[in-house]
């Protein structure tokens, strides 16, 4: 536990292509005197940091120099632990044999960038997002060596994206893709620790009423399509979870559905509806899937694009004007459970949320308490 009133924060810094240990501290005569005693110490004007070469013996010397005088904060310097939950092999990014043919020839993505994505077993969707966003970043700074780019060049590109009207989500993903190169590929953790992210907006999820859900299901005459949409709603599934379900994941004895390798590589169980079980049995007899519960061509998982198209057509037929997405069904599942008295902790488990705070968002959209309030106009 820290009990010193002075602090020196360690930061990663790159100067002329070489890795350095940056030292950030508030102006103090004692600290300034101790910093000057460090070997090969210099001042980096752009980042306002004193720095010394990034060597193990120099790092140890820093702790010895400030021992008993100042607390040395390394939270921005040391690597974070690796992800514990790998994604499934089917959804895992694999290193392309011919990178240029995989990602385009306009910019050569560093080979080590692709290798690191594969070695860390990133999901295909995440890896492809990182690759495309990093490719755009490289195109913007075309001709400049990546290792020579500083924080200001990163900010210039982010400002360009803001002025181009890009979403907050894309800005955050772009920062992650850039940080992945410098902090993971080049092993320079938290190099861009002061890059500003968009202020997080608290948006409420769009929710359908039970009547609207039933109207949507009533418009779907195809048994397979109706079962798909009904299962997403009744189990609170993400579309990727639905498409990856296997026949053995349906446990009719316990009336539960096993969801494997969902977001974050987690497994969980969720509810199996009696009504959906009946439709699933009819569907199985008619379509006879081999491995995945819902299959497309060549016994491959049914595509997420096709699922979204089914829902879009059904909403149009039901004359529902809300911008309904497959995730809207998951939001509606959680909200309807809360409205009928299910506790938040149970809903958190069914949805697979890491934190109860994520689940608490649904307390803002339930109408249980709203129905008891009399409108002043009435």
Protein backbone atom coordinates (compact mmCIF):
# COMPACT_ATOMS: atom_id res chain seq x y z
CA UNK A 1 0.00 0.00 0.00
CA UNK A 2 1.29 3.45 -0.90
CA UNK A 3 2.09 5.84 1.96
CA UNK A 4 4.49 8.29 0.24
CA UNK A 5 3.36 11.74 -0.86
CA UNK A 6 5.63 11.85 -3.94
CA UNK A 7 5.11 9.70 -7.03
CA UNK A 8 6.98 8.85 -10.23
CA UNK A 9 4.97 7.22 -13.00
CA UNK A 10 6.72 4.92 -15.49
CA UNK A 11 5.71 5.25 -19.13
CA UNK A 12 6.78 3.57 -22.35
CA UNK A 13 8.40 5.91 -24.83
CA UNK A 14 9.97 5.52 -28.23
CA UNK A 15 12.72 7.91 -29.32
CA UNK A 16 14.30 7.58 -32.77
CA UNK A 17 13.03 4.01 -33.02
CA UNK A 18 14.49 2.95 -29.66
CA UNK A 19 12.51 1.90 -26.59
CA UNK A 20 12.88 4.13 -23.54
CA UNK A 21 11.56 4.31 -19.98
CA UNK A 22 9.71 7.58 -19.50
CA UNK A 23 9.39 9.15 -16.05
CA UNK A 24 6.45 11.39 -15.30
CA UNK A 25 6.30 13.40 -12.07
CA UNK A 26 5.12 16.73 -10.71
CA UNK A 27 7.87 19.41 -10.46
CA UNK A 28 9.75 18.77 -7.22
CA UNK A 29 13.34 19.69 -6.31
CA UNK A 30 14.01 16.36 -4.59
CA UNK A 31 12.65 14.29 -7.48
CA UNK A 32 14.43 16.42 -10.06
CA UNK A 33 17.73 15.91 -8.24
CA UNK A 34 17.22 12.14 -8.09
CA UNK A 35 16.24 11.96 -11.76
CA UNK A 36 19.43 13.79 -12.75
CA UNK A 37 21.45 11.07 -10.98
CA UNK A 38 20.08 8.39 -13.33
CA UNK A 39 22.48 7.26 -16.11
CA UNK A 40 21.97 8.55 -19.67
CA UNK A 41 18.91 10.56 -18.62
CA UNK A 42 17.46 12.97 -21.19
CA UNK A 43 14.35 15.13 -21.62
CA UNK A 44 11.64 14.45 -24.23
CA UNK A 45 10.04 17.79 -25.10
CA UNK A 46 7.01 16.47 -27.01
CA UNK A 47 5.76 14.28 -24.15
CA UNK A 48 7.26 16.30 -21.26
CA UNK A 49 8.97 13.20 -19.88
CA UNK A 50 12.45 12.50 -18.60
CA UNK A 51 13.68 9.22 -20.05
CA UNK A 52 16.45 6.63 -19.92
CA UNK A 53 17.12 3.54 -22.09
CA UNK A 54 14.72 0.66 -21.55
CA UNK A 55 17.05 -1.86 -19.92
CA UNK A 56 16.37 -4.24 -17.05
CA UNK A 57 19.27 -2.90 -14.96
CA UNK A 58 18.07 0.68 -15.48
CA UNK A 59 14.54 -0.29 -14.45
CA UNK A 60 15.86 -1.84 -11.24
CA UNK A 61 17.96 1.27 -10.64
CA UNK A 62 14.85 3.48 -10.80
CA UNK A 63 13.24 1.56 -7.95
CA UNK A 64 16.44 1.73 -5.90
CA UNK A 65 16.86 5.48 -6.53
CA UNK A 66 13.36 6.44 -5.38
CA UNK A 67 13.01 3.87 -2.59
CA UNK A 68 11.71 5.54 0.58
CA UNK A 69 11.33 8.89 -1.21
CA UNK A 70 8.63 8.40 -3.87
CA UNK A 71 6.17 5.76 -4.91
CA UNK A 72 7.06 4.30 -8.33
CA UNK A 73 3.82 3.67 -10.23
CA UNK A 74 4.16 1.01 -12.94
CA UNK A 75 0.50 0.54 -13.90
CA UNK A 76 1.06 2.20 -17.30
CA UNK A 77 4.28 0.30 -17.91
CA UNK A 78 3.76 -3.38 -17.26
CA UNK A 79 1.83 -5.72 -19.54
CA UNK A 80 -1.67 -6.78 -18.66
CA UNK A 81 -2.45 -10.47 -18.25
CA UNK A 82 -3.39 -12.39 -21.38
CA UNK A 83 -6.99 -13.34 -22.07
CA UNK A 84 -7.98 -16.51 -20.20
CA UNK A 85 -10.87 -17.53 -22.41
CA UNK A 86 -9.88 -18.44 -25.99
CA UNK A 87 -12.46 -18.38 -28.77
CA UNK A 88 -13.50 -21.57 -30.49
CA UNK A 89 -11.27 -22.90 -33.26
CA UNK A 90 -14.00 -22.35 -35.87
CA UNK A 91 -14.23 -18.63 -35.01
CA UNK A 92 -10.50 -18.13 -34.51
CA UNK A 93 -8.38 -15.95 -36.79
CA UNK A 94 -5.72 -17.93 -38.68
CA UNK A 95 -2.50 -16.51 -40.08
CA UNK A 96 -2.95 -16.11 -43.87
CA UNK A 97 -0.45 -17.92 -46.09
CA UNK A 98 -0.57 -15.04 -48.55
CA UNK A 99 -1.32 -11.86 -46.56
CA UNK A 100 -1.56 -9.59 -49.65
CA UNK A 101 -4.35 -11.68 -51.18
CA UNK A 102 -6.19 -11.83 -47.85
CA UNK A 103 -6.27 -8.14 -46.97
CA UNK A 104 -5.56 -6.25 -50.17
CA UNK A 105 -2.44 -4.93 -51.85
CA UNK A 106 -2.86 -1.17 -51.29
CA UNK A 107 -0.97 -1.34 -47.99
CA UNK A 108 1.26 -4.06 -46.62
CA UNK A 109 0.05 -4.88 -43.12
CA UNK A 110 3.10 -5.82 -41.00
CA UNK A 111 3.46 -9.58 -41.02
CA UNK A 112 4.04 -9.60 -37.25
CA UNK A 113 0.66 -7.85 -36.78
CA UNK A 114 -1.13 -10.78 -38.43
CA UNK A 115 1.00 -13.32 -36.61
CA UNK A 116 0.23 -11.79 -33.22
CA UNK A 117 -3.52 -11.80 -33.91
CA UNK A 118 -3.28 -15.50 -34.76
CA UNK A 119 -1.03 -16.39 -31.83
CA UNK A 120 -3.34 -14.64 -29.39
CA UNK A 121 -6.27 -16.54 -30.94
CA UNK A 122 -8.37 -13.49 -31.69
CA UNK A 123 -11.83 -14.08 -33.13
CA UNK A 124 -12.04 -13.75 -36.92
CA UNK A 125 -14.45 -10.83 -36.70
CA UNK A 126 -12.26 -8.91 -34.24
CA UNK A 127 -9.07 -9.64 -36.19
CA UNK A 128 -10.58 -8.52 -39.50
CA UNK A 129 -11.85 -5.32 -37.87
CA UNK A 130 -8.38 -4.57 -36.45
CA UNK A 131 -6.73 -5.29 -39.82
CA UNK A 132 -9.05 -3.03 -41.82
CA UNK A 133 -8.86 -0.16 -39.31
CA UNK A 134 -5.08 -0.38 -39.01
CA UNK A 135 -4.82 -0.50 -42.80
CA UNK A 136 -6.73 2.79 -43.01
CA UNK A 137 -4.45 4.31 -40.38
CA UNK A 138 -1.38 3.26 -42.39
CA UNK A 139 -2.86 4.68 -45.59
CA UNK A 140 -3.40 8.04 -43.88
CA UNK A 141 0.28 8.17 -42.88
CA UNK A 142 1.51 6.60 -46.11
CA UNK A 143 5.25 6.93 -46.56
CA UNK A 144 6.00 7.47 -42.88
CA UNK A 145 7.68 4.66 -40.90
CA UNK A 146 5.21 3.31 -38.33
CA UNK A 147 7.82 3.22 -35.59
CA UNK A 148 8.50 6.94 -35.97
CA UNK A 149 4.88 8.02 -35.46
CA UNK A 150 4.20 9.84 -32.19
CA UNK A 151 1.03 10.59 -30.23
CA UNK A 152 0.37 13.74 -32.24
CA UNK A 153 0.18 11.74 -35.49
CA UNK A 154 -2.30 9.40 -33.83
CA UNK A 155 -4.42 12.36 -32.71
CA UNK A 156 -4.28 13.89 -36.20
CA UNK A 157 -5.76 10.71 -37.65
CA UNK A 158 -8.45 10.47 -34.96
CA UNK A 159 -9.40 14.11 -35.58
CA UNK A 160 -9.70 13.26 -39.28
CA UNK A 161 -12.11 10.44 -38.40
CA UNK A 162 -14.16 12.73 -36.13
CA UNK A 163 -14.43 15.35 -38.88
CA UNK A 164 -15.47 12.60 -41.29
CA UNK A 165 -18.42 11.82 -39.02
CA UNK A 166 -17.27 8.37 -37.89
CA UNK A 167 -19.09 6.81 -34.94
CA UNK A 168 -17.78 6.63 -31.37
CA UNK A 169 -17.65 2.86 -31.72
CA UNK A 170 -15.38 3.09 -34.77
CA UNK A 171 -13.12 5.61 -33.00
CA UNK A 172 -12.71 3.29 -30.03
CA UNK A 173 -12.04 0.29 -32.27
CA UNK A 174 -9.48 2.31 -34.25
CA UNK A 175 -7.64 3.23 -31.06
CA UNK A 176 -7.64 -0.44 -30.05
CA UNK A 177 -6.28 -1.51 -33.47
CA UNK A 178 -3.47 1.08 -33.30
CA UNK A 179 -2.64 0.27 -29.68
CA UNK A 180 -2.51 -3.42 -30.58
CA UNK A 181 0.42 -2.72 -32.92
CA UNK A 182 2.45 -0.57 -30.58
CA UNK A 183 1.57 -2.18 -27.26
CA UNK A 184 1.19 -5.86 -28.20
CA UNK A 185 3.16 -6.41 -31.42
CA UNK A 186 6.04 -4.10 -30.47
CA UNK A 187 5.69 -4.93 -26.74
CA UNK A 188 5.30 -1.30 -25.73
CA UNK A 189 2.36 -1.39 -23.29
CA UNK A 190 0.36 1.80 -22.83
CA UNK A 191 2.46 3.81 -25.23
CA UNK A 192 -0.53 5.94 -26.14
CA UNK A 193 -1.85 6.22 -22.61
CA UNK A 194 -3.04 9.80 -23.11
CA UNK A 195 -4.95 9.29 -26.36
CA UNK A 196 -8.45 10.58 -25.66
CA UNK A 197 -11.42 8.31 -26.25
CA UNK A 198 -14.94 9.55 -27.07
CA UNK A 199 -17.02 10.29 -24.01
CA UNK A 200 -19.17 7.27 -23.28
CA UNK A 201 -22.86 7.89 -23.94
CA UNK A 202 -25.48 6.14 -21.86
CA UNK A 203 -27.97 4.90 -24.43
CA UNK A 204 -30.97 2.82 -23.43
CA UNK A 205 -31.64 -0.38 -25.38
CA UNK A 206 -34.59 -0.55 -27.77
CA UNK A 207 -37.19 -3.00 -26.44
CA UNK A 208 -40.24 -4.61 -28.02
CA UNK A 209 -43.43 -5.39 -26.14
CA UNK A 210 -44.52 -9.03 -25.79
CA UNK A 211 -47.34 -8.25 -28.21
CA UNK A 212 -44.88 -6.94 -30.82
CA UNK A 213 -42.71 -10.04 -30.47
CA UNK A 214 -45.76 -12.23 -31.06
CA UNK A 215 -46.78 -10.13 -34.08
CA UNK A 216 -43.33 -10.70 -35.61
CA UNK A 217 -43.45 -14.46 -35.02
CA UNK A 218 -46.96 -14.65 -36.50
CA UNK A 219 -45.66 -13.22 -39.80
CA UNK A 220 -43.08 -15.99 -40.25
CA UNK A 221 -44.67 -18.98 -41.94
CA UNK A 222 -41.48 -20.94 -42.62
CA UNK A 223 -40.92 -23.37 -39.73
CA UNK A 224 -37.12 -23.07 -39.74
CA UNK A 225 -37.21 -19.27 -39.84
CA UNK A 226 -39.85 -18.99 -37.11
CA UNK A 227 -37.90 -21.37 -34.86
CA UNK A 228 -34.72 -19.31 -35.32
CA UNK A 229 -36.33 -16.00 -34.37
CA UNK A 230 -38.32 -17.56 -31.53
CA UNK A 231 -35.19 -19.19 -30.11
CA UNK A 232 -33.20 -15.93 -30.15
CA UNK A 233 -35.93 -14.16 -28.19
CA UNK A 234 -36.86 -16.96 -25.78
CA UNK A 235 -33.23 -17.68 -24.81
CA UNK A 236 -31.79 -14.16 -25.03
CA UNK A 237 -29.18 -15.24 -27.58
CA UNK A 238 -26.76 -13.17 -29.62
CA UNK A 239 -27.02 -13.97 -33.32
CA UNK A 240 -23.52 -15.52 -33.32
CA UNK A 241 -24.55 -17.77 -30.42
CA UNK A 242 -27.62 -18.92 -32.35
CA UNK A 243 -25.66 -19.77 -35.51
CA UNK A 244 -23.04 -21.73 -33.53
CA UNK A 245 -25.53 -23.88 -31.59
CA UNK A 246 -25.10 -27.60 -32.06
CA UNK A 247 -27.79 -30.27 -31.76
CA UNK A 248 -26.35 -31.53 -28.47
CA UNK A 249 -26.60 -28.06 -26.90
CA UNK A 250 -30.37 -28.50 -26.48
CA UNK A 251 -31.02 -30.20 -23.11
CA UNK A 252 -34.73 -31.02 -23.09
CA UNK A 253 -34.49 -32.96 -19.81
CA UNK A 254 -33.32 -29.91 -17.87
CA UNK A 255 -35.07 -27.43 -20.22
CA UNK A 256 -31.83 -25.57 -20.76
CA UNK A 257 -29.62 -24.55 -23.67
CA UNK A 258 -25.84 -24.74 -23.46
CA UNK A 259 -24.12 -21.75 -25.10
CA UNK A 260 -20.44 -22.41 -25.80
CA UNK A 261 -17.67 -19.93 -26.51
CA UNK A 262 -19.88 -16.87 -26.42
CA UNK A 263 -18.53 -13.32 -26.07
CA UNK A 264 -15.24 -13.42 -24.16
CA UNK A 265 -14.91 -17.18 -24.70
CA UNK A 266 -17.38 -17.98 -21.89
CA UNK A 267 -19.81 -20.90 -21.68
CA UNK A 268 -23.22 -20.53 -20.03
CA UNK A 269 -26.70 -22.04 -19.79
CA UNK A 270 -29.90 -20.26 -20.66
CA UNK A 271 -33.63 -21.06 -20.76
CA UNK A 272 -35.34 -23.47 -23.16
CA UNK A 273 -38.96 -22.55 -23.83
CA UNK A 274 -41.58 -25.35 -23.86
CA UNK A 275 -43.14 -23.74 -26.94
CA UNK A 276 -39.78 -23.54 -28.74
CA UNK A 277 -38.93 -27.14 -27.78
CA UNK A 278 -42.11 -28.27 -29.55
CA UNK A 279 -41.16 -26.30 -32.69
CA UNK A 280 -37.56 -27.55 -32.49
CA UNK A 281 -38.78 -31.16 -32.56
CA UNK A 282 -40.93 -30.48 -35.63
CA UNK A 283 -38.04 -28.63 -37.26
CA UNK A 284 -35.60 -31.48 -36.56
CA UNK A 285 -37.90 -34.09 -38.12
CA UNK A 286 -38.34 -31.97 -41.25
CA UNK A 287 -34.80 -30.61 -41.84
CA UNK A 288 -32.61 -33.29 -40.16
CA UNK A 289 -29.56 -31.12 -39.39
CA UNK A 290 -26.30 -33.07 -39.06
CA UNK A 291 -24.05 -31.07 -36.74
CA UNK A 292 -25.16 -27.48 -36.24
CA UNK A 293 -28.72 -26.93 -35.06
CA UNK A 294 -29.36 -24.55 -37.97
CA UNK A 295 -27.37 -25.27 -41.10
CA UNK A 296 -26.91 -23.53 -44.43
CA UNK A 297 -25.12 -24.91 -47.46
CA UNK A 298 -22.68 -27.82 -47.08
CA UNK A 299 -23.75 -28.38 -43.46
CA UNK A 300 -22.11 -25.09 -42.43
CA UNK A 301 -23.65 -22.84 -39.74
CA UNK A 302 -26.60 -20.77 -40.89
CA UNK A 303 -25.41 -17.26 -41.75
CA UNK A 304 -26.06 -14.28 -39.47
CA UNK A 305 -26.96 -12.24 -42.57
CA UNK A 306 -29.80 -14.62 -43.36
CA UNK A 307 -31.09 -14.42 -39.77
CA UNK A 308 -31.15 -10.62 -39.94
CA UNK A 309 -32.98 -10.75 -43.29
CA UNK A 310 -35.68 -13.03 -41.80
CA UNK A 311 -36.27 -10.60 -38.94
CA UNK A 312 -36.32 -7.56 -41.22
CA UNK A 313 -38.97 -9.09 -43.50
CA UNK A 314 -41.12 -10.14 -40.54
CA UNK A 315 -40.98 -6.67 -38.96
CA UNK A 316 -41.99 -5.09 -42.26
CA UNK A 317 -44.98 -7.45 -42.57
CA UNK A 318 -45.95 -6.77 -38.94
CA UNK A 319 -45.76 -2.98 -39.65
CA UNK A 320 -43.40 -2.40 -36.76
CA UNK A 321 -41.66 0.92 -37.36
CA UNK A 322 -38.98 0.52 -34.70
CA UNK A 323 -35.43 -0.17 -35.92
CA UNK A 324 -35.47 -3.79 -34.80
CA UNK A 325 -32.27 -5.80 -34.89
CA UNK A 326 -31.56 -9.34 -33.71
CA UNK A 327 -30.02 -7.88 -30.53
CA UNK A 328 -33.34 -6.10 -29.87
CA UNK A 329 -34.83 -9.55 -29.21
CA UNK A 330 -32.14 -10.21 -26.59
CA UNK A 331 -32.87 -6.84 -24.94
CA UNK A 332 -36.58 -7.64 -24.97
CA UNK A 333 -35.99 -11.06 -23.39
CA UNK A 334 -34.09 -9.47 -20.47
CA UNK A 335 -36.61 -6.66 -20.00
CA UNK A 336 -39.62 -8.99 -20.04
CA UNK A 337 -37.97 -11.25 -17.45
CA UNK A 338 -37.36 -8.24 -15.21
CA UNK A 339 -40.95 -7.04 -15.64
CA UNK A 340 -42.30 -10.42 -14.55
CA UNK A 341 -40.23 -10.35 -11.35
CA UNK A 342 -37.01 -12.24 -12.22
CA UNK A 343 -34.09 -10.95 -10.15
CA UNK A 344 -31.19 -9.14 -11.81
CA UNK A 345 -28.58 -11.71 -10.79
CA UNK A 346 -30.49 -14.50 -12.57
CA UNK A 347 -30.85 -12.35 -15.69
CA UNK A 348 -27.12 -11.57 -15.58
CA UNK A 349 -26.32 -15.30 -15.60
CA UNK A 350 -28.76 -16.05 -18.43
CA UNK A 351 -27.29 -13.26 -20.58
CA UNK A 352 -23.68 -14.08 -19.71
CA UNK A 353 -22.78 -10.58 -18.52
CA UNK A 354 -19.50 -10.21 -16.62
CA UNK A 355 -20.81 -7.41 -14.45
CA UNK A 356 -24.18 -6.80 -12.85
CA UNK A 357 -23.80 -3.13 -13.89
CA UNK A 358 -24.25 -4.18 -17.51
CA UNK A 359 -27.51 -5.94 -16.64
CA UNK A 360 -28.76 -2.97 -14.59
CA UNK A 361 -29.39 -1.01 -17.80
CA UNK A 362 -32.67 -2.90 -18.15
CA UNK A 363 -34.00 -1.37 -14.93
CA UNK A 364 -34.27 1.90 -16.89
CA UNK A 365 -36.59 0.47 -19.56
CA UNK A 366 -39.02 -1.69 -17.56
CA UNK A 367 -42.57 -0.35 -17.39
CA UNK A 368 -43.54 -2.05 -14.10
CA UNK A 369 -43.23 1.11 -12.04
CA UNK A 370 -44.28 3.43 -14.89
CA UNK A 371 -47.69 1.75 -15.03
CA UNK A 372 -48.36 2.71 -11.41
CA UNK A 373 -47.75 6.43 -12.08
CA UNK A 374 -50.79 8.42 -13.12
CA UNK A 375 -50.17 10.81 -15.96
CA UNK A 376 -51.15 14.38 -14.95
CA UNK A 377 -53.01 14.88 -18.24
CA UNK A 378 -55.25 11.90 -17.41
